[in-house]
């Protein structure tokens, strides 16, 4: 455990919460991916879930190692917190966007599916921008996500709405 804490710059035990949440998300994701396969036997689905978990874990650790030099954080464990914020935001933007479009009375039946998905992606992207800063604030990474948001808005050509 001390090696783990030293590797991730964990100074206080409460900071272990974020790696635990990250591992629980990876377990949940591996189970959801495994359910996509047509496997009904438990003795096959459990090893497949373990393999998917291992692949997802290696992918996340690789992504963290590549993004660590680019993202300036005080301690290494904060990278896990940032990944959790991105996961919450991506899922939440879809969860919020779908009822919003339905509230407007727009469905795939009354709008061409191509235009429906363009509208859905646009609405979800709007909510993503707002929720990214909100969840960043909730998880104590407001400055990182506000800077990230400003960079993203500049890339969208909306820099005139930002004060620097």
N, C-alpha and C. Protein backbone atom coordinates (compact mmCIF):
# COMPACT_ATOMS: atom_id res chain seq x y z
N UNK A 1 0.82 -1.20 0.00
CA UNK A 1 0.00 0.00 0.00
C UNK A 1 0.87 1.26 0.00
N UNK A 2 1.97 1.22 0.72
CA UNK A 2 2.85 2.38 0.76
C UNK A 2 3.45 2.67 -0.61
N UNK A 3 3.73 1.62 -1.38
CA UNK A 3 4.25 1.81 -2.73
C UNK A 3 3.21 2.48 -3.61
N UNK A 4 1.95 2.06 -3.48
CA UNK A 4 0.86 2.66 -4.24
C UNK A 4 0.73 4.13 -3.89
N UNK A 5 0.74 4.43 -2.58
CA UNK A 5 0.62 5.83 -2.15
C UNK A 5 1.78 6.67 -2.65
N UNK A 6 2.97 6.10 -2.65
CA UNK A 6 4.15 6.84 -3.10
C UNK A 6 4.08 7.08 -4.62
N UNK A 7 3.64 6.07 -5.37
CA UNK A 7 3.53 6.18 -6.82
C UNK A 7 2.56 7.28 -7.23
N UNK A 8 1.45 7.40 -6.52
CA UNK A 8 0.41 8.35 -6.89
C UNK A 8 0.46 9.63 -6.06
N UNK A 9 1.51 9.85 -5.30
CA UNK A 9 1.70 11.06 -4.47
C UNK A 9 0.55 11.25 -3.49
N UNK A 10 0.09 10.17 -2.89
CA UNK A 10 -1.02 10.25 -1.93
C UNK A 10 -0.44 10.49 -0.55
N UNK A 11 -0.81 11.64 0.03
CA UNK A 11 -0.30 12.04 1.35
C UNK A 11 -1.29 11.74 2.47
N UNK A 12 -2.59 11.77 2.15
CA UNK A 12 -3.64 11.56 3.14
C UNK A 12 -4.53 10.41 2.69
N UNK A 13 -5.07 9.68 3.66
CA UNK A 13 -5.89 8.51 3.33
C UNK A 13 -7.15 8.87 2.56
N UNK A 14 -7.71 10.06 2.75
CA UNK A 14 -8.93 10.43 2.02
C UNK A 14 -8.67 10.51 0.52
N UNK A 15 -7.42 10.73 0.13
CA UNK A 15 -7.09 10.81 -1.29
C UNK A 15 -7.19 9.45 -1.98
N UNK A 16 -7.21 8.37 -1.19
CA UNK A 16 -7.39 7.02 -1.75
C UNK A 16 -8.79 6.84 -2.33
N UNK A 17 -9.71 7.74 -1.97
CA UNK A 17 -11.08 7.66 -2.48
C UNK A 17 -11.12 7.70 -4.01
N UNK A 18 -10.28 8.53 -4.62
CA UNK A 18 -10.34 8.69 -6.07
C UNK A 18 -9.82 7.47 -6.83
N UNK A 19 -8.71 6.84 -6.43
CA UNK A 19 -8.35 5.58 -7.10
C UNK A 19 -9.39 4.48 -6.91
N UNK A 20 -10.03 4.46 -5.73
CA UNK A 20 -11.07 3.45 -5.49
C UNK A 20 -12.27 3.70 -6.40
N UNK A 21 -12.69 4.97 -6.52
CA UNK A 21 -13.80 5.30 -7.42
C UNK A 21 -13.43 4.94 -8.86
N UNK A 22 -12.20 5.24 -9.25
CA UNK A 22 -11.74 4.92 -10.60
C UNK A 22 -11.77 3.43 -10.88
N UNK A 23 -11.35 2.63 -9.91
CA UNK A 23 -11.36 1.17 -10.08
C UNK A 23 -12.80 0.66 -10.16
N UNK A 24 -13.68 1.22 -9.34
CA UNK A 24 -15.09 0.81 -9.41
C UNK A 24 -15.71 1.15 -10.76
N UNK A 25 -15.36 2.32 -11.31
CA UNK A 25 -15.84 2.68 -12.65
C UNK A 25 -15.31 1.70 -13.70
N UNK A 26 -14.04 1.32 -13.57
CA UNK A 26 -13.48 0.37 -14.53
C UNK A 26 -14.15 -1.00 -14.43
N UNK A 27 -14.45 -1.44 -13.22
CA UNK A 27 -15.16 -2.71 -13.04
C UNK A 27 -16.55 -2.62 -13.68
N UNK A 28 -17.26 -1.52 -13.41
CA UNK A 28 -18.59 -1.33 -14.01
C UNK A 28 -18.51 -1.31 -15.53
N UNK A 29 -17.53 -0.61 -16.06
CA UNK A 29 -17.38 -0.52 -17.52
C UNK A 29 -17.04 -1.88 -18.12
N UNK A 30 -16.19 -2.63 -17.44
CA UNK A 30 -15.82 -3.95 -17.98
C UNK A 30 -17.02 -4.89 -17.98
N UNK A 31 -17.86 -4.79 -16.96
CA UNK A 31 -19.07 -5.62 -16.93
C UNK A 31 -20.04 -5.22 -18.05
N UNK A 32 -20.18 -3.90 -18.29
CA UNK A 32 -21.07 -3.44 -19.36
C UNK A 32 -20.56 -3.88 -20.72
N UNK A 33 -19.25 -3.82 -20.93
CA UNK A 33 -18.68 -4.26 -22.20
C UNK A 33 -18.87 -5.76 -22.36
N UNK A 34 -18.69 -6.51 -21.28
CA UNK A 34 -18.86 -7.96 -21.35
C UNK A 34 -20.29 -8.35 -21.69
N UNK A 35 -21.26 -7.57 -21.19
CA UNK A 35 -22.67 -7.86 -21.49
C UNK A 35 -23.00 -7.65 -22.96
N UNK A 36 -22.16 -6.92 -23.68
CA UNK A 36 -22.38 -6.74 -25.11
C UNK A 36 -22.09 -8.02 -25.90
N UNK A 37 -21.27 -8.89 -25.33
CA UNK A 37 -20.96 -10.16 -25.99
C UNK A 37 -22.09 -11.15 -25.73
N UNK A 38 -22.36 -12.03 -26.70
CA UNK A 38 -23.43 -13.02 -26.49
C UNK A 38 -22.96 -14.19 -25.63
N UNK A 39 -22.64 -13.89 -24.38
CA UNK A 39 -22.16 -14.91 -23.44
C UNK A 39 -23.22 -15.08 -22.37
N UNK A 40 -23.68 -16.32 -22.19
CA UNK A 40 -24.70 -16.56 -21.16
C UNK A 40 -24.14 -17.36 -19.98
N UNK A 41 -23.02 -18.04 -20.18
CA UNK A 41 -22.46 -18.85 -19.11
C UNK A 41 -21.60 -17.98 -18.19
N UNK A 42 -21.81 -18.12 -16.90
CA UNK A 42 -21.10 -17.32 -15.92
C UNK A 42 -19.61 -17.65 -15.90
N UNK A 43 -19.26 -18.93 -16.09
CA UNK A 43 -17.85 -19.32 -16.04
C UNK A 43 -17.04 -18.76 -17.22
N UNK A 44 -17.73 -18.27 -18.24
CA UNK A 44 -17.03 -17.62 -19.36
C UNK A 44 -17.06 -16.10 -19.18
N UNK A 45 -18.18 -15.57 -18.72
CA UNK A 45 -18.31 -14.11 -18.63
C UNK A 45 -17.40 -13.51 -17.55
N UNK A 46 -17.14 -14.23 -16.48
CA UNK A 46 -16.26 -13.69 -15.43
C UNK A 46 -14.83 -13.53 -15.94
N UNK A 47 -14.22 -14.55 -16.57
CA UNK A 47 -12.86 -14.32 -17.11
C UNK A 47 -12.82 -13.25 -18.21
N UNK A 48 -13.86 -13.18 -19.03
CA UNK A 48 -13.91 -12.15 -20.07
C UNK A 48 -13.96 -10.77 -19.41
N UNK A 49 -14.75 -10.62 -18.35
CA UNK A 49 -14.81 -9.34 -17.63
C UNK A 49 -13.46 -8.98 -17.04
N UNK A 50 -12.75 -9.96 -16.51
CA UNK A 50 -11.42 -9.70 -15.94
C UNK A 50 -10.45 -9.25 -17.03
N UNK A 51 -10.53 -9.87 -18.19
CA UNK A 51 -9.65 -9.49 -19.31
C UNK A 51 -9.99 -8.08 -19.79
N UNK A 52 -11.29 -7.77 -19.91
CA UNK A 52 -11.71 -6.43 -20.34
C UNK A 52 -11.27 -5.40 -19.30
N UNK A 53 -11.41 -5.73 -18.00
CA UNK A 53 -10.96 -4.83 -16.94
C UNK A 53 -9.47 -4.55 -17.08
N UNK A 54 -8.69 -5.58 -17.30
CA UNK A 54 -7.24 -5.42 -17.44
C UNK A 54 -6.90 -4.53 -18.64
N UNK A 55 -7.59 -4.74 -19.75
CA UNK A 55 -7.34 -3.92 -20.95
C UNK A 55 -7.72 -2.45 -20.68
N UNK A 56 -8.87 -2.23 -20.04
CA UNK A 56 -9.28 -0.86 -19.71
C UNK A 56 -8.30 -0.20 -18.73
N UNK A 57 -7.84 -0.96 -17.75
CA UNK A 57 -6.89 -0.43 -16.78
C UNK A 57 -5.59 -0.03 -17.45
N UNK A 58 -5.08 -0.89 -18.32
CA UNK A 58 -3.84 -0.58 -19.04
C UNK A 58 -4.03 0.64 -19.95
N UNK A 59 -5.20 0.75 -20.57
CA UNK A 59 -5.48 1.89 -21.44
C UNK A 59 -5.51 3.20 -20.65
N UNK A 60 -6.18 3.18 -19.49
CA UNK A 60 -6.25 4.38 -18.65
C UNK A 60 -4.87 4.76 -18.13
N UNK A 61 -4.10 3.77 -17.68
CA UNK A 61 -2.75 4.07 -17.17
C UNK A 61 -1.85 4.60 -18.27
N UNK A 62 -2.01 4.09 -19.48
CA UNK A 62 -1.24 4.60 -20.62
C UNK A 62 -1.63 6.05 -20.92
N UNK A 63 -2.94 6.30 -20.91
CA UNK A 63 -3.43 7.66 -21.18
C UNK A 63 -2.93 8.63 -20.10
N UNK A 64 -2.94 8.20 -18.85
CA UNK A 64 -2.44 9.05 -17.77
C UNK A 64 -0.96 9.34 -17.96
N UNK A 65 -0.18 8.33 -18.34
CA UNK A 65 1.25 8.55 -18.53
C UNK A 65 1.53 9.51 -19.68
N UNK A 66 0.71 9.49 -20.72
CA UNK A 66 0.89 10.40 -21.85
C UNK A 66 0.40 11.82 -21.54
N UNK A 67 -0.65 11.95 -20.73
CA UNK A 67 -1.22 13.26 -20.44
C UNK A 67 -0.57 13.94 -19.23
N UNK A 68 0.12 13.18 -18.42
CA UNK A 68 0.74 13.74 -17.21
C UNK A 68 1.68 14.91 -17.50
N UNK A 69 2.53 14.84 -18.53
CA UNK A 69 3.39 16.01 -18.79
C UNK A 69 2.61 17.22 -19.33
N UNK A 70 1.47 17.01 -19.96
CA UNK A 70 0.70 18.11 -20.56
C UNK A 70 -0.21 18.79 -19.54
N UNK A 71 -0.76 18.01 -18.62
CA UNK A 71 -1.68 18.56 -17.64
C UNK A 71 -0.91 18.88 -16.37
N UNK A 72 -0.92 20.12 -15.98
CA UNK A 72 -0.18 20.55 -14.80
C UNK A 72 -1.06 20.36 -13.57
N UNK A 73 -0.65 19.44 -12.70
CA UNK A 73 -1.36 19.20 -11.45
C UNK A 73 -0.33 19.16 -10.32
N UNK A 74 -0.81 19.40 -9.11
CA UNK A 74 0.10 19.41 -7.96
C UNK A 74 0.56 18.01 -7.57
N UNK A 75 -0.38 17.07 -7.60
CA UNK A 75 -0.07 15.70 -7.21
C UNK A 75 -0.60 14.74 -8.27
N UNK A 76 0.06 13.62 -8.40
CA UNK A 76 -0.27 12.68 -9.47
C UNK A 76 -1.68 12.08 -9.34
N UNK A 77 -2.16 11.89 -8.12
CA UNK A 77 -3.48 11.30 -7.93
C UNK A 77 -4.59 12.19 -8.50
N UNK A 78 -4.30 13.48 -8.66
CA UNK A 78 -5.30 14.39 -9.22
C UNK A 78 -5.64 14.04 -10.67
N UNK A 79 -4.75 13.36 -11.35
CA UNK A 79 -5.04 12.91 -12.72
C UNK A 79 -6.21 11.94 -12.72
N UNK A 80 -6.27 11.08 -11.71
CA UNK A 80 -7.40 10.15 -11.59
C UNK A 80 -8.68 10.95 -11.39
N UNK A 81 -8.61 11.97 -10.56
CA UNK A 81 -9.79 12.81 -10.30
C UNK A 81 -10.24 13.50 -11.58
N UNK A 82 -9.31 13.93 -12.39
CA UNK A 82 -9.64 14.57 -13.66
C UNK A 82 -10.32 13.58 -14.60
N UNK A 83 -9.83 12.36 -14.67
CA UNK A 83 -10.46 11.33 -15.51
C UNK A 83 -11.87 11.03 -15.03
N UNK A 84 -12.08 11.03 -13.71
CA UNK A 84 -13.42 10.78 -13.16
C UNK A 84 -14.37 11.91 -13.57
N UNK A 85 -13.88 13.15 -13.53
CA UNK A 85 -14.71 14.29 -13.96
C UNK A 85 -15.10 14.15 -15.43
N UNK A 86 -14.14 13.76 -16.27
CA UNK A 86 -14.46 13.57 -17.69
C UNK A 86 -15.50 12.45 -17.86
N UNK A 87 -15.39 11.39 -17.09
CA UNK A 87 -16.36 10.28 -17.19
C UNK A 87 -17.76 10.74 -16.76
N UNK A 88 -17.84 11.43 -15.62
CA UNK A 88 -19.13 11.95 -15.16
C UNK A 88 -19.73 12.91 -16.17
N UNK A 89 -18.91 13.79 -16.69
CA UNK A 89 -19.42 14.80 -17.61
C UNK A 89 -19.94 14.19 -18.90
N UNK A 90 -19.18 13.26 -19.47
CA UNK A 90 -19.62 12.63 -20.72
C UNK A 90 -20.94 11.90 -20.56
N UNK A 91 -21.06 11.14 -19.49
CA UNK A 91 -22.30 10.41 -19.25
C UNK A 91 -23.46 11.36 -18.93
N UNK A 92 -23.19 12.35 -18.11
CA UNK A 92 -24.24 13.27 -17.68
C UNK A 92 -24.76 14.13 -18.82
N UNK A 93 -23.89 14.52 -19.73
CA UNK A 93 -24.35 15.37 -20.84
C UNK A 93 -25.37 14.63 -21.70
N UNK A 94 -25.19 13.35 -21.86
CA UNK A 94 -26.15 12.55 -22.62
C UNK A 94 -27.43 12.37 -21.81
N UNK A 95 -27.29 12.12 -20.52
CA UNK A 95 -28.46 11.91 -19.66
C UNK A 95 -29.30 13.18 -19.57
N UNK A 96 -28.66 14.34 -19.58
CA UNK A 96 -29.39 15.61 -19.52
C UNK A 96 -29.92 16.00 -20.90
N UNK A 97 -29.12 15.76 -21.94
CA UNK A 97 -29.50 16.17 -23.30
C UNK A 97 -30.70 15.43 -23.85
N UNK A 98 -30.79 14.14 -23.58
CA UNK A 98 -31.91 13.34 -24.13
C UNK A 98 -33.26 13.83 -23.64
N UNK A 99 -33.48 14.02 -22.32
CA UNK A 99 -34.79 14.54 -21.88
C UNK A 99 -35.05 15.97 -22.36
N UNK A 100 -33.98 16.76 -22.51
CA UNK A 100 -34.15 18.13 -22.99
C UNK A 100 -34.73 18.13 -24.41
N UNK A 101 -34.20 17.29 -25.27
CA UNK A 101 -34.71 17.20 -26.64
C UNK A 101 -36.14 16.65 -26.64
N UNK A 102 -36.38 15.66 -25.77
CA UNK A 102 -37.73 15.10 -25.68
C UNK A 102 -38.72 16.14 -25.16
N UNK A 103 -38.26 17.00 -24.23
CA UNK A 103 -39.11 18.06 -23.70
C UNK A 103 -39.50 19.05 -24.80
N UNK A 104 -38.61 19.26 -25.76
CA UNK A 104 -38.91 20.13 -26.89
C UNK A 104 -39.86 19.47 -27.89
N UNK A 105 -40.15 18.18 -27.69
CA UNK A 105 -41.06 17.47 -28.58
C UNK A 105 -40.38 16.91 -29.82
N UNK A 106 -39.07 16.80 -29.78
CA UNK A 106 -38.34 16.30 -30.95
C UNK A 106 -37.98 14.83 -30.72
N UNK A 107 -38.38 13.99 -31.65
CA UNK A 107 -38.05 12.57 -31.61
C UNK A 107 -37.52 12.14 -32.97
N UNK A 108 -37.05 10.93 -33.05
CA UNK A 108 -36.57 10.41 -34.34
C UNK A 108 -37.72 10.19 -35.31
N UNK A 109 -38.93 10.04 -34.77
CA UNK A 109 -40.09 9.82 -35.63
C UNK A 109 -40.55 11.10 -36.33
N UNK A 110 -40.42 12.25 -35.64
CA UNK A 110 -40.91 13.49 -36.26
C UNK A 110 -39.78 14.34 -36.86
N UNK A 111 -38.55 13.85 -36.81
CA UNK A 111 -37.43 14.53 -37.42
C UNK A 111 -36.54 13.47 -38.07
N UNK A 112 -36.03 13.75 -39.22
CA UNK A 112 -35.17 12.79 -39.91
C UNK A 112 -34.06 12.35 -38.95
N UNK A 113 -33.77 11.03 -38.89
CA UNK A 113 -32.76 10.54 -37.94
C UNK A 113 -31.40 11.24 -38.05
N UNK A 114 -30.99 11.58 -39.25
CA UNK A 114 -29.69 12.27 -39.40
C UNK A 114 -29.72 13.61 -38.66
N UNK A 115 -30.79 14.40 -38.88
CA UNK A 115 -30.90 15.70 -38.23
C UNK A 115 -31.12 15.57 -36.73
N UNK A 116 -31.86 14.51 -36.35
CA UNK A 116 -32.07 14.26 -34.92
C UNK A 116 -30.72 14.06 -34.23
N UNK A 117 -29.85 13.23 -34.81
CA UNK A 117 -28.56 12.95 -34.16
C UNK A 117 -27.64 14.16 -34.19
N UNK A 118 -27.69 14.96 -35.25
CA UNK A 118 -26.92 16.20 -35.28
C UNK A 118 -27.37 17.12 -34.15
N UNK A 119 -28.70 17.27 -34.00
CA UNK A 119 -29.25 18.10 -32.92
C UNK A 119 -28.90 17.53 -31.55
N UNK A 120 -29.03 16.22 -31.41
CA UNK A 120 -28.72 15.57 -30.13
C UNK A 120 -27.26 15.77 -29.74
N UNK A 121 -26.35 15.62 -30.68
CA UNK A 121 -24.93 15.82 -30.41
C UNK A 121 -24.65 17.29 -30.06
N UNK A 122 -25.29 18.21 -30.76
CA UNK A 122 -25.11 19.64 -30.48
C UNK A 122 -25.61 19.98 -29.08
N UNK A 123 -26.79 19.52 -28.72
CA UNK A 123 -27.35 19.79 -27.40
C UNK A 123 -26.48 19.15 -26.32
N UNK A 124 -26.06 17.90 -26.55
CA UNK A 124 -25.21 17.22 -25.58
C UNK A 124 -23.88 17.94 -25.42
N UNK A 125 -23.34 18.47 -26.51
CA UNK A 125 -22.08 19.20 -26.45
C UNK A 125 -22.24 20.49 -25.64
N UNK A 126 -23.37 21.16 -25.79
CA UNK A 126 -23.63 22.36 -24.98
C UNK A 126 -23.65 22.00 -23.49
N UNK A 127 -24.42 20.96 -23.15
CA UNK A 127 -24.49 20.56 -21.75
C UNK A 127 -23.14 20.05 -21.25
N UNK A 128 -22.35 19.45 -22.14
CA UNK A 128 -21.01 18.98 -21.77
C UNK A 128 -20.15 20.14 -21.30
N UNK A 129 -20.21 21.26 -22.01
CA UNK A 129 -19.40 22.43 -21.66
C UNK A 129 -19.76 22.93 -20.26
N UNK A 130 -21.04 23.02 -19.99
CA UNK A 130 -21.51 23.53 -18.71
C UNK A 130 -21.18 22.53 -17.59
N UNK A 131 -21.48 21.27 -17.83
CA UNK A 131 -21.27 20.26 -16.79
C UNK A 131 -19.79 20.01 -16.51
N UNK A 132 -18.93 20.21 -17.50
CA UNK A 132 -17.50 20.00 -17.29
C UNK A 132 -16.97 20.95 -16.22
N UNK A 133 -17.35 22.20 -16.32
CA UNK A 133 -16.90 23.18 -15.32
C UNK A 133 -17.58 22.91 -13.98
N UNK A 134 -18.87 22.55 -14.00
CA UNK A 134 -19.60 22.27 -12.77
C UNK A 134 -18.98 21.08 -12.02
N UNK A 135 -18.78 19.96 -12.71
CA UNK A 135 -18.18 18.79 -12.06
C UNK A 135 -16.72 19.05 -11.68
N UNK A 136 -16.03 19.84 -12.47
CA UNK A 136 -14.66 20.22 -12.10
C UNK A 136 -14.64 20.98 -10.80
N UNK A 137 -15.62 21.86 -10.61
CA UNK A 137 -15.73 22.60 -9.35
C UNK A 137 -16.07 21.66 -8.20
N UNK A 138 -17.03 20.75 -8.41
CA UNK A 138 -17.45 19.82 -7.36
C UNK A 138 -16.26 18.94 -6.92
N UNK A 139 -15.43 18.53 -7.87
CA UNK A 139 -14.31 17.66 -7.55
C UNK A 139 -13.02 18.44 -7.23
N UNK A 140 -13.13 19.75 -7.06
CA UNK A 140 -11.99 20.53 -6.63
C UNK A 140 -10.96 20.81 -7.71
N UNK A 141 -11.35 20.77 -8.96
CA UNK A 141 -10.44 21.02 -10.08
C UNK A 141 -10.97 22.13 -10.97
N UNK A 142 -11.59 23.16 -10.37
CA UNK A 142 -12.21 24.21 -11.16
C UNK A 142 -11.21 24.90 -12.08
N UNK A 143 -10.06 25.29 -11.56
CA UNK A 143 -9.08 26.02 -12.35
C UNK A 143 -8.64 25.20 -13.57
N UNK A 144 -8.36 23.93 -13.37
CA UNK A 144 -7.95 23.07 -14.48
C UNK A 144 -9.03 23.03 -15.55
N UNK A 145 -10.28 22.80 -15.15
CA UNK A 145 -11.35 22.64 -16.12
C UNK A 145 -11.80 23.98 -16.72
N UNK A 146 -11.66 25.07 -15.97
CA UNK A 146 -11.98 26.37 -16.56
C UNK A 146 -10.97 26.70 -17.65
N UNK A 147 -9.68 26.44 -17.38
CA UNK A 147 -8.65 26.65 -18.41
C UNK A 147 -8.88 25.72 -19.60
N UNK A 148 -9.25 24.49 -19.33
CA UNK A 148 -9.54 23.51 -20.39
C UNK A 148 -10.73 23.97 -21.23
N UNK A 149 -11.74 24.50 -20.55
CA UNK A 149 -12.95 24.98 -21.23
C UNK A 149 -12.63 26.18 -22.12
N UNK A 150 -11.84 27.12 -21.62
CA UNK A 150 -11.47 28.28 -22.42
C UNK A 150 -10.70 27.85 -23.67
N UNK A 151 -9.82 26.88 -23.52
CA UNK A 151 -9.06 26.37 -24.66
C UNK A 151 -10.00 25.72 -25.68
N UNK A 152 -10.97 24.97 -25.19
CA UNK A 152 -11.92 24.31 -26.08
C UNK A 152 -12.79 25.33 -26.81
N UNK A 153 -13.24 26.36 -26.11
CA UNK A 153 -14.07 27.38 -26.74
C UNK A 153 -13.29 28.16 -27.79
N UNK A 154 -12.01 28.40 -27.53
CA UNK A 154 -11.18 29.05 -28.55
C UNK A 154 -11.09 28.20 -29.80
N UNK A 155 -10.98 26.90 -29.62
CA UNK A 155 -10.90 26.00 -30.78
C UNK A 155 -12.22 25.98 -31.56
N UNK A 156 -13.34 26.23 -30.86
CA UNK A 156 -14.63 26.32 -31.53
C UNK A 156 -14.83 27.67 -32.19
N UNK A 157 -13.88 28.59 -32.00
CA UNK A 157 -13.98 29.92 -32.57
C UNK A 157 -14.85 30.87 -31.76
N UNK A 158 -15.01 30.58 -30.49
CA UNK A 158 -15.87 31.39 -29.63
C UNK A 158 -15.05 32.21 -28.63
N UNK A 159 -13.83 32.55 -28.97
CA UNK A 159 -12.96 33.27 -28.02
C UNK A 159 -13.46 34.67 -27.72
N UNK A 160 -14.31 35.23 -28.55
CA UNK A 160 -14.81 36.59 -28.31
C UNK A 160 -15.70 36.64 -27.06
N UNK A 161 -16.19 35.48 -26.60
CA UNK A 161 -17.03 35.44 -25.41
C UNK A 161 -16.22 35.29 -24.13
N UNK A 162 -14.92 35.16 -24.25
CA UNK A 162 -14.06 34.96 -23.09
C UNK A 162 -13.31 36.22 -22.72
N UNK A 163 -13.20 36.45 -21.42
CA UNK A 163 -12.36 37.53 -20.92
C UNK A 163 -11.10 36.89 -20.37
N UNK A 164 -9.95 37.35 -20.80
CA UNK A 164 -8.71 36.79 -20.26
C UNK A 164 -8.06 37.68 -19.27
